[in-house]
N, C-alpha and C. Protein backbone atom coordinates (compact mmCIF):
# COMPACT_ATOMS: atom_id res chain seq x y z
N MET A 1 18.59 -17.52 -1.16
CA MET A 1 18.78 -16.10 -1.04
C MET A 1 19.73 -15.63 -2.15
N LEU A 2 19.37 -14.51 -2.76
CA LEU A 2 20.17 -13.91 -3.82
C LEU A 2 20.68 -12.57 -3.32
N ILE A 3 21.99 -12.35 -3.41
CA ILE A 3 22.57 -11.05 -3.07
C ILE A 3 22.98 -10.39 -4.37
N ILE A 4 22.49 -9.17 -4.57
CA ILE A 4 22.71 -8.49 -5.84
C ILE A 4 23.12 -7.05 -5.60
N GLY A 5 23.95 -6.51 -6.48
CA GLY A 5 24.35 -5.11 -6.44
C GLY A 5 23.73 -4.37 -7.61
N ARG A 6 23.20 -3.20 -7.36
CA ARG A 6 22.59 -2.38 -8.41
C ARG A 6 23.12 -0.96 -8.28
N GLU A 7 23.41 -0.33 -9.42
CA GLU A 7 23.83 1.05 -9.44
C GLU A 7 22.60 1.95 -9.49
N ILE A 8 22.80 3.24 -9.30
CA ILE A 8 21.69 4.20 -9.31
C ILE A 8 20.92 4.08 -10.62
N GLY A 9 19.61 3.95 -10.50
CA GLY A 9 18.73 3.85 -11.67
C GLY A 9 18.51 2.44 -12.17
N GLN A 10 19.26 1.47 -11.67
CA GLN A 10 19.08 0.08 -12.10
C GLN A 10 18.05 -0.62 -11.22
N SER A 11 17.37 -1.61 -11.81
CA SER A 11 16.28 -2.29 -11.12
C SER A 11 16.39 -3.80 -11.23
N VAL A 12 15.63 -4.48 -10.39
CA VAL A 12 15.38 -5.91 -10.54
C VAL A 12 13.86 -6.09 -10.60
N ILE A 13 13.45 -7.09 -11.36
CA ILE A 13 12.04 -7.43 -11.48
C ILE A 13 11.85 -8.74 -10.74
N ILE A 14 10.92 -8.76 -9.79
CA ILE A 14 10.65 -9.96 -9.00
C ILE A 14 9.29 -10.50 -9.39
N ASP A 15 9.29 -11.74 -9.87
CA ASP A 15 8.06 -12.46 -10.21
C ASP A 15 7.14 -11.68 -11.16
N ASP A 16 7.72 -10.98 -12.12
CA ASP A 16 7.01 -10.24 -13.18
C ASP A 16 6.15 -9.08 -12.69
N ASP A 17 5.98 -8.87 -11.40
CA ASP A 17 5.06 -7.86 -10.90
C ASP A 17 5.70 -6.76 -10.08
N VAL A 18 6.80 -7.06 -9.41
CA VAL A 18 7.39 -6.13 -8.46
C VAL A 18 8.71 -5.61 -9.02
N LYS A 19 8.90 -4.29 -8.93
CA LYS A 19 10.13 -3.67 -9.41
C LYS A 19 10.83 -2.99 -8.23
N VAL A 20 12.09 -3.37 -7.98
CA VAL A 20 12.90 -2.78 -6.92
C VAL A 20 14.02 -2.01 -7.61
N THR A 21 14.12 -0.69 -7.33
CA THR A 21 15.05 0.19 -8.03
C THR A 21 15.98 0.88 -7.04
N ALA A 22 17.27 0.99 -7.41
CA ALA A 22 18.25 1.75 -6.63
C ALA A 22 18.15 3.22 -7.07
N VAL A 23 17.96 4.12 -6.11
CA VAL A 23 17.86 5.54 -6.42
C VAL A 23 18.74 6.34 -5.46
N GLN A 24 19.02 7.58 -5.84
CA GLN A 24 19.74 8.48 -4.95
C GLN A 24 18.78 9.57 -4.52
N PHE A 25 18.63 9.72 -3.22
CA PHE A 25 17.74 10.72 -2.64
C PHE A 25 18.61 11.64 -1.81
N ALA A 26 18.76 12.90 -2.25
CA ALA A 26 19.73 13.83 -1.68
C ALA A 26 21.10 13.18 -1.85
N SER A 27 21.83 12.92 -0.77
CA SER A 27 23.15 12.29 -0.92
C SER A 27 23.12 10.82 -0.53
N LYS A 28 21.93 10.27 -0.25
CA LYS A 28 21.83 8.88 0.22
C LYS A 28 21.30 7.96 -0.87
N LEU A 29 21.83 6.74 -0.88
CA LEU A 29 21.33 5.71 -1.79
C LEU A 29 20.20 4.96 -1.11
N ARG A 30 19.14 4.70 -1.86
CA ARG A 30 17.95 4.06 -1.30
C ARG A 30 17.38 3.05 -2.29
N LEU A 31 16.42 2.28 -1.83
CA LEU A 31 15.65 1.39 -2.70
C LEU A 31 14.22 1.88 -2.76
N THR A 32 13.63 1.84 -3.95
CA THR A 32 12.19 2.08 -4.07
C THR A 32 11.55 0.79 -4.56
N VAL A 33 10.31 0.58 -4.18
CA VAL A 33 9.59 -0.63 -4.57
C VAL A 33 8.29 -0.21 -5.23
N GLU A 34 8.05 -0.76 -6.42
CA GLU A 34 6.78 -0.56 -7.11
C GLU A 34 6.10 -1.91 -7.20
N ALA A 35 4.88 -1.98 -6.68
CA ALA A 35 4.13 -3.24 -6.67
C ALA A 35 2.67 -2.96 -6.95
N PRO A 36 1.97 -3.92 -7.55
CA PRO A 36 0.53 -3.75 -7.76
C PRO A 36 -0.18 -3.62 -6.41
N GLU A 37 -1.36 -3.03 -6.44
CA GLU A 37 -2.10 -2.81 -5.20
C GLU A 37 -2.46 -4.09 -4.46
N ASN A 38 -2.59 -5.20 -5.19
CA ASN A 38 -2.96 -6.46 -4.54
C ASN A 38 -1.80 -7.14 -3.83
N ILE A 39 -0.57 -6.62 -3.98
CA ILE A 39 0.60 -7.18 -3.30
C ILE A 39 1.00 -6.23 -2.18
N SER A 40 0.99 -6.72 -0.95
CA SER A 40 1.35 -5.86 0.18
C SER A 40 2.86 -5.70 0.27
N VAL A 41 3.30 -4.50 0.62
CA VAL A 41 4.71 -4.21 0.84
C VAL A 41 4.79 -3.60 2.23
N ILE A 42 5.51 -4.29 3.13
CA ILE A 42 5.57 -3.85 4.52
C ILE A 42 7.03 -3.60 4.90
N ARG A 43 7.28 -2.43 5.42
CA ARG A 43 8.62 -2.05 5.87
C ARG A 43 8.87 -2.67 7.23
N LYS A 44 9.97 -3.39 7.36
CA LYS A 44 10.31 -4.06 8.63
C LYS A 44 11.49 -3.33 9.27
N LYS A 45 11.25 -2.79 10.45
CA LYS A 45 12.30 -2.17 11.26
C LYS A 45 12.09 -2.63 12.69
N PRO A 46 13.14 -2.76 13.46
CA PRO A 46 12.96 -3.16 14.86
C PRO A 46 12.00 -2.21 15.58
N GLY A 47 10.91 -2.77 16.10
CA GLY A 47 9.95 -1.97 16.84
C GLY A 47 9.06 -1.09 15.99
N HIS A 48 9.15 -1.20 14.66
CA HIS A 48 8.35 -0.33 13.81
C HIS A 48 8.03 -1.05 12.51
N ALA A 49 6.78 -1.09 12.15
CA ALA A 49 6.39 -1.67 10.86
C ALA A 49 5.37 -0.74 10.23
N LYS A 50 5.55 -0.47 8.95
CA LYS A 50 4.67 0.47 8.27
C LYS A 50 4.37 -0.05 6.87
N ALA A 51 3.10 -0.09 6.50
CA ALA A 51 2.72 -0.52 5.16
C ALA A 51 2.84 0.67 4.21
N PHE A 52 3.31 0.40 2.99
CA PHE A 52 3.41 1.44 1.99
C PHE A 52 3.51 0.84 0.60
N ARG A 53 3.32 1.65 -0.40
CA ARG A 53 3.39 1.20 -1.79
C ARG A 53 4.72 1.56 -2.45
N LYS A 54 5.19 2.79 -2.29
CA LYS A 54 6.42 3.21 -2.96
C LYS A 54 7.18 4.15 -2.02
N LYS A 55 8.13 3.62 -1.30
CA LYS A 55 8.87 4.40 -0.32
C LYS A 55 10.37 4.15 -0.49
N VAL A 56 11.18 4.94 0.22
CA VAL A 56 12.63 4.78 0.15
C VAL A 56 13.13 3.96 1.34
N LYS A 57 14.30 3.36 1.21
CA LYS A 57 14.85 2.47 2.24
C LYS A 57 16.23 2.96 2.68
N SER A 58 16.67 2.53 3.86
CA SER A 58 18.02 2.77 4.32
C SER A 58 18.67 1.48 4.79
N VAL A 59 20.02 1.48 4.95
CA VAL A 59 20.77 0.27 5.27
C VAL A 59 20.21 -0.42 6.51
N GLY A 60 20.08 -1.75 6.41
CA GLY A 60 19.57 -2.55 7.51
C GLY A 60 18.07 -2.76 7.47
N ASP A 61 17.37 -1.93 6.72
CA ASP A 61 15.92 -2.07 6.61
C ASP A 61 15.57 -3.30 5.77
N ALA A 62 14.42 -3.85 6.03
CA ALA A 62 13.93 -5.00 5.27
C ALA A 62 12.52 -4.71 4.79
N LEU A 63 12.16 -5.32 3.69
CA LEU A 63 10.82 -5.21 3.14
C LEU A 63 10.22 -6.59 3.03
N GLN A 64 9.00 -6.74 3.43
CA GLN A 64 8.25 -7.97 3.19
C GLN A 64 7.33 -7.67 2.02
N ILE A 65 7.51 -8.39 0.92
CA ILE A 65 6.70 -8.19 -0.28
C ILE A 65 5.82 -9.41 -0.45
N GLY A 66 4.53 -9.21 -0.30
CA GLY A 66 3.62 -10.35 -0.32
C GLY A 66 3.90 -11.24 0.89
N GLU A 67 3.58 -12.52 0.75
CA GLU A 67 3.78 -13.44 1.88
C GLU A 67 5.17 -14.04 1.94
N PHE A 68 5.82 -14.21 0.79
CA PHE A 68 7.02 -15.05 0.75
C PHE A 68 8.31 -14.36 0.36
N ILE A 69 8.29 -13.09 -0.02
CA ILE A 69 9.49 -12.41 -0.52
C ILE A 69 9.96 -11.38 0.49
N LYS A 70 11.27 -11.41 0.80
CA LYS A 70 11.86 -10.44 1.71
C LYS A 70 13.08 -9.83 1.04
N VAL A 71 13.17 -8.49 1.05
CA VAL A 71 14.31 -7.77 0.49
C VAL A 71 14.96 -7.00 1.63
N THR A 72 16.27 -7.20 1.81
CA THR A 72 17.02 -6.54 2.88
C THR A 72 18.17 -5.75 2.28
N LEU A 73 18.26 -4.47 2.62
CA LEU A 73 19.35 -3.62 2.14
C LEU A 73 20.58 -3.91 3.00
N LEU A 74 21.67 -4.37 2.35
CA LEU A 74 22.86 -4.79 3.09
C LEU A 74 23.94 -3.73 3.17
N GLN A 75 24.17 -3.01 2.07
CA GLN A 75 25.32 -2.12 2.03
C GLN A 75 25.12 -1.06 0.95
N THR A 76 25.60 0.15 1.23
CA THR A 76 25.63 1.18 0.20
C THR A 76 27.07 1.62 0.02
N GLU A 77 27.47 1.76 -1.21
CA GLU A 77 28.79 2.30 -1.55
C GLU A 77 28.54 3.42 -2.54
N THR A 78 29.57 4.10 -2.96
CA THR A 78 29.41 5.18 -3.92
C THR A 78 28.75 4.65 -5.18
N GLY A 79 27.49 5.01 -5.37
CA GLY A 79 26.76 4.64 -6.57
C GLY A 79 26.31 3.19 -6.65
N LEU A 80 26.47 2.40 -5.58
CA LEU A 80 26.11 0.99 -5.63
C LEU A 80 25.39 0.57 -4.35
N LEU A 81 24.29 -0.16 -4.51
CA LEU A 81 23.56 -0.73 -3.38
C LEU A 81 23.64 -2.24 -3.47
N ARG A 82 23.85 -2.89 -2.35
CA ARG A 82 23.80 -4.36 -2.29
C ARG A 82 22.61 -4.73 -1.41
N PHE A 83 21.80 -5.65 -1.92
CA PHE A 83 20.65 -6.10 -1.14
C PHE A 83 20.42 -7.57 -1.37
N ALA A 84 19.76 -8.19 -0.40
CA ALA A 84 19.46 -9.62 -0.44
C ALA A 84 17.99 -9.80 -0.74
N ILE A 85 17.70 -10.75 -1.63
CA ILE A 85 16.32 -11.11 -1.94
C ILE A 85 16.13 -12.55 -1.49
N ASP A 86 15.26 -12.73 -0.52
CA ASP A 86 14.95 -14.06 0.00
C ASP A 86 13.56 -14.44 -0.49
N ALA A 87 13.50 -15.42 -1.38
CA ALA A 87 12.23 -15.82 -1.99
C ALA A 87 12.25 -17.31 -2.29
N PRO A 88 11.08 -17.92 -2.43
CA PRO A 88 11.04 -19.34 -2.82
C PRO A 88 11.70 -19.55 -4.19
N ARG A 89 12.16 -20.77 -4.44
CA ARG A 89 12.86 -21.09 -5.69
C ARG A 89 12.03 -20.81 -6.95
N ASP A 90 10.73 -20.93 -6.86
CA ASP A 90 9.90 -20.76 -8.05
C ASP A 90 9.63 -19.29 -8.39
N VAL A 91 10.07 -18.36 -7.55
CA VAL A 91 9.91 -16.93 -7.83
C VAL A 91 11.07 -16.48 -8.71
N LYS A 92 10.74 -15.89 -9.86
CA LYS A 92 11.76 -15.44 -10.81
C LYS A 92 12.24 -14.05 -10.44
N VAL A 93 13.58 -13.86 -10.48
CA VAL A 93 14.19 -12.55 -10.22
C VAL A 93 15.10 -12.25 -11.40
N PHE A 94 14.86 -11.10 -12.06
CA PHE A 94 15.64 -10.70 -13.22
C PHE A 94 16.22 -9.31 -13.00
N ARG A 95 17.45 -9.09 -13.49
CA ARG A 95 17.92 -7.71 -13.62
C ARG A 95 17.06 -7.09 -14.71
N GLU A 96 16.67 -5.84 -14.55
CA GLU A 96 15.73 -5.23 -15.48
C GLU A 96 16.25 -5.25 -16.92
N GLU A 97 17.54 -5.01 -17.11
CA GLU A 97 18.07 -4.98 -18.47
C GLU A 97 17.96 -6.35 -19.14
N LEU A 98 18.09 -7.44 -18.39
CA LEU A 98 17.94 -8.77 -18.97
C LEU A 98 16.47 -9.12 -19.18
N TYR A 99 15.62 -8.67 -18.29
CA TYR A 99 14.17 -8.89 -18.40
C TYR A 99 13.66 -8.21 -19.68
N THR A 100 14.08 -6.97 -19.90
CA THR A 100 13.67 -6.23 -21.10
C THR A 100 14.29 -6.84 -22.35
N TYR A 101 15.57 -7.20 -22.28
CA TYR A 101 16.28 -7.76 -23.44
C TYR A 101 15.66 -9.08 -23.88
N SER A 102 15.25 -9.90 -22.93
CA SER A 102 14.70 -11.22 -23.28
C SER A 102 13.28 -11.13 -23.83
N GLY A 103 12.66 -9.96 -23.71
CA GLY A 103 11.32 -9.79 -24.25
C GLY A 103 10.22 -10.29 -23.33
N LEU A 104 10.56 -10.65 -22.10
CA LEU A 104 9.54 -11.15 -21.17
C LEU A 104 8.49 -10.09 -20.87
N ASP A 105 8.91 -8.81 -20.81
CA ASP A 105 7.94 -7.76 -20.53
C ASP A 105 6.96 -7.60 -21.69
N GLU A 106 7.40 -7.81 -22.93
CA GLU A 106 6.52 -7.73 -24.09
C GLU A 106 5.53 -8.89 -24.09
N GLN A 107 6.00 -10.10 -23.73
CA GLN A 107 5.11 -11.26 -23.68
C GLN A 107 4.01 -11.05 -22.65
N LYS A 108 4.36 -10.48 -21.51
CA LYS A 108 3.38 -10.24 -20.46
C LYS A 108 2.31 -9.27 -20.94
N THR A 109 2.73 -8.19 -21.61
CA THR A 109 1.80 -7.20 -22.12
C THR A 109 0.87 -7.82 -23.16
N THR A 110 1.42 -8.65 -24.02
CA THR A 110 0.62 -9.29 -25.06
C THR A 110 -0.41 -10.23 -24.45
N GLN A 111 -0.04 -10.97 -23.44
CA GLN A 111 -0.96 -11.92 -22.82
C GLN A 111 -2.11 -11.21 -22.10
N ILE A 112 -1.85 -10.03 -21.55
CA ILE A 112 -2.88 -9.30 -20.82
C ILE A 112 -3.89 -8.69 -21.79
N SER A 113 -3.44 -8.25 -22.95
CA SER A 113 -4.32 -7.58 -23.92
C SER A 113 -5.43 -8.46 -24.42
């Protein structure tokens, strides 16, 4: 399990396909998830589960991304969100600025073309 803090507008890239971003909606800090259509994203709440593609989150909520990845929002502070990413060891998780800096996003685009 990886616990990470992100400021508003910052993201993490999970396994090259999923982007989790910290955003501010009105006065609340939330997480948004962008995933390809072939990867299911399910919101986990006690007594309530809802499938969605790009929604906002609140503290204590969890997301099931695909079969093996779970993201749980742990804490919000002024301008900072802390969340846990529970995934198998072979799943790569990058801060977006490092993912972009290392050129991994360019390599992926080149391979697809």
